[in-house]
C-alpha atoms as a PDB file:
ATOM      1  CA  MET A   1     123.052  90.420 121.092  1.00  0.00           C
ATOM      2  CA  LYS A   2     119.740  89.903 119.340  1.00  0.00           C
ATOM      3  CA  PRO A   3     119.488  91.853 116.066  1.00  0.00           C
ATOM      4  CA  THR A   4     116.694  94.387 115.982  1.00  0.00           C
ATOM      5  CA  THR A   5     114.184  94.627 113.205  1.00  0.00           C
ATOM      6  CA  ARG A   6     112.873  97.979 112.087  1.00  0.00           C
ATOM      7  CA  HIS A   7     109.664  98.074 110.117  1.00  0.00           C
ATOM      8  CA  TRP A   8     108.785 100.843 107.777  1.00  0.00           C
ATOM      9  CA  ALA A   9     106.841 101.156 104.629  1.00  0.00           C
ATOM     10  CA  ALA A  10     108.162 102.913 101.571  1.00  0.00           C
ATOM     11  CA  PRO A  11     105.789 102.842  98.658  1.00  0.00           C
ATOM     12  CA  GLU A  12     107.656 102.818  95.401  1.00  0.00           C
ATOM     13  CA  ALA A  13     106.604 102.609  91.775  1.00  0.00           C
ATOM     14  CA  VAL A  14     108.537 100.483  89.287  1.00  0.00           C
ATOM     15  CA  SER A  15     106.728 100.413  85.942  1.00  0.00           C
ATOM     16  CA  GLY A  16     103.350  99.922  87.622  1.00  0.00           C
ATOM     17  CA  PRO A  17     103.944  97.780  90.712  1.00  0.00           C
ATOM     18  CA  ARG A  18     103.784  99.316  94.175  1.00  0.00           C
ATOM     19  CA  PHE A  19     105.878  97.886  97.023  1.00  0.00           C
ATOM     20  CA  ILE A  20     105.984  97.781 100.800  1.00  0.00           C
ATOM     21  CA  TRP A  21     109.536  97.304 102.046  1.00  0.00           C
ATOM     22  CA  ARG A  22     110.834  95.878 105.297  1.00  0.00           C
ATOM     23  CA  SER A  23     114.242  96.800 106.562  1.00  0.00           C
ATOM     24  CA  THR A  24     116.236  94.413 108.760  1.00  0.00           C
ATOM     25  CA  PRO A  25     119.897  94.291 109.724  1.00  0.00           C
ATOM     26  CA  TRP A  26     120.321  91.836 106.817  1.00  0.00           C
ATOM     27  CA  GLY A  27     118.975  94.180 104.162  1.00  0.00           C
ATOM     28  CA  THR A  28     115.885  95.801 102.704  1.00  0.00           C
ATOM     29  CA  HIS A  29     113.369  93.525 101.010  1.00  0.00           C
ATOM     30  CA  PRO A  30     109.914  93.873  99.447  1.00  0.00           C
ATOM     31  CA  VAL A  31     107.141  92.261 101.507  1.00  0.00           C
ATOM     32  CA  THR A  32     104.066  93.368  99.559  1.00  0.00           C
ATOM     33  CA  VAL A  33     103.737  93.889  95.819  1.00  0.00           C
ATOM     34  CA  THR A  34     100.613  95.164  94.093  1.00  0.00           C
ATOM     35  CA  LEU A  35      99.998  96.243  90.519  1.00  0.00           C
ATOM     36  CA  SER A  36      98.317  99.422  89.416  1.00  0.00           C
ATOM     37  CA  PRO A  37      98.033 101.221  86.095  1.00  0.00           C
ATOM     38  CA  GLY A  38     101.249 102.965  85.152  1.00  0.00           C
ATOM     39  CA  GLN A  39      99.510 106.284  84.531  1.00  0.00           C
ATOM     40  CA  ASP A  40      98.132 106.461  88.104  1.00  0.00           C
ATOM     41  CA  ALA A  41      99.775 108.758  90.609  1.00  0.00           C
ATOM     42  CA  ASP A  42     101.655 107.050  93.422  1.00  0.00           C
ATOM     43  CA  ILE A  43      99.675 108.826  96.125  1.00  0.00           C
ATOM     44  CA  SER A  44      96.379 107.347  94.900  1.00  0.00           C
ATOM     45  CA  HIS A  45      97.565 103.876  96.012  1.00  0.00           C
ATOM     46  CA  GLY A  46      99.525 104.826  99.119  1.00  0.00           C
ATOM     47  CA  SER A  47      96.914 104.221 101.802  1.00  0.00           C
ATOM     48  CA  GLU A  48      95.768 100.868 100.381  1.00  0.00           C
ATOM     49  CA  LEU A  49      99.336  99.576 100.662  1.00  0.00           C
ATOM     50  CA  LEU A  50      99.367 100.290 104.387  1.00  0.00           C
ATOM     51  CA  THR A  51      96.158  98.419 105.257  1.00  0.00           C
ATOM     52  CA  ASP A  52      97.742  95.069 106.192  1.00  0.00           C
ATOM     53  CA  HIS A  53     100.883  96.432 107.847  1.00  0.00           C
ATOM     54  CA  ARG A  54     101.695  98.090 111.149  1.00  0.00           C
ATOM     55  CA  PRO A  55     104.846 100.097 110.373  1.00  0.00           C
ATOM     56  CA  VAL A  56     106.622 102.209 112.964  1.00  0.00           C
ATOM     57  CA  LYS A  57     107.730 104.738 110.361  1.00  0.00           C
ATOM     58  CA  VAL A  58     106.575 105.356 106.816  1.00  0.00           C
ATOM     59  CA  LEU A  59     109.249 106.722 104.488  1.00  0.00           C
ATOM     60  CA  ALA A  60     108.174 108.159 101.170  1.00  0.00           C
ATOM     61  CA  ASP A  61     109.218 110.831  98.713  1.00  0.00           C
ATOM     62  CA  LYS A  62     107.570 114.209  98.137  1.00  0.00           C
ATOM     63  CA  GLY A  63     104.995 112.652  95.823  1.00  0.00           C
ATOM     64  CA  TYR A  64     103.268 111.239  98.916  1.00  0.00           C
ATOM     65  CA  ASP A  65     103.099 114.573 100.745  1.00  0.00           C
ATOM     66  CA  SER A  66      99.389 115.094 101.295  1.00  0.00           C
ATOM     67  CA  ASP A  67      97.517 115.889 104.467  1.00  0.00           C
ATOM     68  CA  ALA A  68      95.111 112.970 103.946  1.00  0.00           C
ATOM     69  CA  PHE A  69      97.925 110.414 103.511  1.00  0.00           C
ATOM     70  CA  VAL A  70      99.875 111.719 106.506  1.00  0.00           C
ATOM     71  CA  LYS A  71      96.688 111.591 108.575  1.00  0.00           C
ATOM     72  CA  ALA A  72      96.102 107.960 107.495  1.00  0.00           C
ATOM     73  CA  ILE A  73      99.668 107.094 108.532  1.00  0.00           C
ATOM     74  CA  GLU A  74      99.262 108.731 111.920  1.00  0.00           C
ATOM     75  CA  GLU A  75      95.917 106.956 112.480  1.00  0.00           C
ATOM     76  CA  GLU A  76      97.809 103.670 112.044  1.00  0.00           C
ATOM     77  CA  GLY A  77     100.131 104.774 114.851  1.00  0.00           C
ATOM     78  CA  ALA A  78     103.152 105.321 112.621  1.00  0.00           C
ATOM     79  CA  GLU A  79     105.380 108.317 112.052  1.00  0.00           C
ATOM     80  CA  ALA A  80     105.296 109.909 108.591  1.00  0.00           C
ATOM     81  CA  VAL A  81     108.821 110.615 107.360  1.00  0.00           C
ATOM     82  CA  ILE A  82     107.911 112.463 104.174  1.00  0.00           C
ATOM     83  CA  PRO A  83     109.624 115.690 103.123  1.00  0.00           C
ATOM     84  CA  PRO A  84     107.177 118.509 102.385  1.00  0.00           C
ATOM     85  CA  LYS A  85     106.652 119.783  98.863  1.00  0.00           C
ATOM     86  CA  LYS A  86     108.198 123.151  98.117  1.00  0.00           C
ATOM     87  CA  ASN A  87     104.810 124.747  97.441  1.00  0.00           C
ATOM     88  CA  ARG A  88     103.403 123.885 100.901  1.00  0.00           C
ATOM     89  CA  LYS A  89     102.336 126.961 102.847  1.00  0.00           C
ATOM     90  CA  ASN A  90     102.971 125.299 106.218  1.00  0.00           C
ATOM     91  CA  PRO A  91     105.800 122.780 105.756  1.00  0.00           C
ATOM     92  CA  ARG A  92     105.753 119.814 108.137  1.00  0.00           C
ATOM     93  CA  ASP A  93     108.824 118.756 110.069  1.00  0.00           C
ATOM     94  CA  TYR A  94     110.262 115.322 109.343  1.00  0.00           C
ATOM     95  CA  ASP A  95     113.199 113.308 110.631  1.00  0.00           C
ATOM     96  CA  LYS A  96     115.935 113.943 108.068  1.00  0.00           C
ATOM     97  CA  ASP A  97     118.248 111.311 109.550  1.00  0.00           C
ATOM     98  CA  VAL A  98     115.616 108.587 109.209  1.00  0.00           C
ATOM     99  CA  TYR A  99     114.756 109.801 105.695  1.00  0.00           C
ATOM    100  CA  LYS A 100     118.349 109.111 104.657  1.00  0.00           C
ATOM    101  CA  GLU A 101     117.583 105.401 105.169  1.00  0.00           C
ATOM    102  CA  ARG A 102     115.321 105.588 102.115  1.00  0.00           C
ATOM    103  CA  ASN A 103     118.365 105.192  99.871  1.00  0.00           C
ATOM    104  CA  LYS A 104     118.363 101.495 100.821  1.00  0.00           C
ATOM    105  CA  VAL A 105     114.964 101.144  99.180  1.00  0.00           C
ATOM    106  CA  GLU A 106     116.161 102.965  96.075  1.00  0.00           C
ATOM    107  CA  ARG A 107     119.179 100.668  95.819  1.00  0.00           C
ATOM    108  CA  THR A 108     116.933  97.620  96.197  1.00  0.00           C
ATOM    109  CA  VAL A 109     114.699  98.897  93.397  1.00  0.00           C
ATOM    110  CA  GLY A 110     117.861  99.014  91.307  1.00  0.00           C
ATOM    111  CA  LEU A 111     118.510  95.372  92.164  1.00  0.00           C
ATOM    112  CA  LEU A 112     114.961  94.482  91.105  1.00  0.00           C
ATOM    113  CA  LYS A 113     115.523  96.237  87.802  1.00  0.00           C
ATOM    114  CA  GLN A 114     118.477  93.952  87.117  1.00  0.00           C
ATOM    115  CA  CYS A 115     115.836  91.391  86.206  1.00  0.00           C
ATOM    116  CA  ARG A 116     115.393  92.588  82.609  1.00  0.00           C
ATOM    117  CA  ARG A 117     111.917  91.156  82.172  1.00  0.00           C
ATOM    118  CA  ALA A 118     110.693  93.141  85.169  1.00  0.00           C
ATOM    119  CA  ALA A 119     112.505  96.349  84.203  1.00  0.00           C
ATOM    120  CA  THR A 120     111.471  96.446  80.549  1.00  0.00           C
ATOM    121  CA  ARG A 121     108.008  94.920  81.031  1.00  0.00           C
ATOM    122  CA  TYR A 122     108.201  92.277  78.311  1.00  0.00           C
ATOM    123  CA  GLU A 123     105.056  90.580  79.635  1.00  0.00           C
ATOM    124  CA  LYS A 124     101.836  91.752  78.013  1.00  0.00           C
ATOM    125  CA  THR A 125      99.392  90.712  80.730  1.00  0.00           C
ATOM    126  CA  ALA A 126      99.289  92.065  84.274  1.00  0.00           C
ATOM    127  CA  ARG A 127      99.194  88.524  85.698  1.00  0.00           C
ATOM    128  CA  ASN A 128     102.414  87.493  83.948  1.00  0.00           C
ATOM    129  CA  PHE A 129     104.132  90.790  84.761  1.00  0.00           C
ATOM    130  CA  LEU A 130     103.245  90.446  88.444  1.00  0.00           C
ATOM    131  CA  GLY A 131     104.664  86.918  88.364  1.00  0.00           C
ATOM    132  CA  ILE A 132     107.990  88.192  86.991  1.00  0.00           C
ATOM    133  CA  VAL A 133     108.141  90.991  89.582  1.00  0.00           C
ATOM    134  CA  LEU A 134     107.396  88.480  92.361  1.00  0.00           C
ATOM    135  CA  PHE A 135     110.074  86.164  90.976  1.00  0.00           C
ATOM    136  CA  ALA A 136     112.609  89.009  91.067  1.00  0.00           C
ATOM    137  CA  ALA A 137     111.526  89.875  94.633  1.00  0.00           C
ATOM    138  CA  ILE A 138     111.917  86.250  95.759  1.00  0.00           C
ATOM    139  CA  ASN A 139     115.413  86.226  94.289  1.00  0.00           C
ATOM    140  CA  LEU A 140     116.260  89.271  96.441  1.00  0.00           C
ATOM    141  CA  TRP A 141     115.044  87.443  99.553  1.00  0.00           C
ATOM    142  CA  LEU A 142     117.134  84.378  98.709  1.00  0.00           C
ATOM    143  CA  LYS A 143     120.399  86.293  98.181  1.00  0.00           C
END
């Protein structure tokens, strides 16, 4: 039996970097890493992360619940699996069973944070910090 590969994007913030994750039967791994200022909101960088990818489903937390972002996801032909914020007047439906898969991304972020230099941001320049984050991500792929 050939293992299936499911693609989805789950933007996450870890001290500034934003990630696109790919889930396979062998685990969840980062495939795209970009840096942004730590004070920026996650949603402001969500659509730029999706430009080079064709996910089937996009999983994200409530911080990404905006009509414009969901519309951008649907224009890419993907399904938005984002729980609605509590203050939404017309809450959207989302697949709660698929959303439960997001815990794999959260656990992988925890594995990335085991690299102390990436978690505590010892590097002073963005270039060096991105290098450390990429190094930690490569280590996840090699495990």
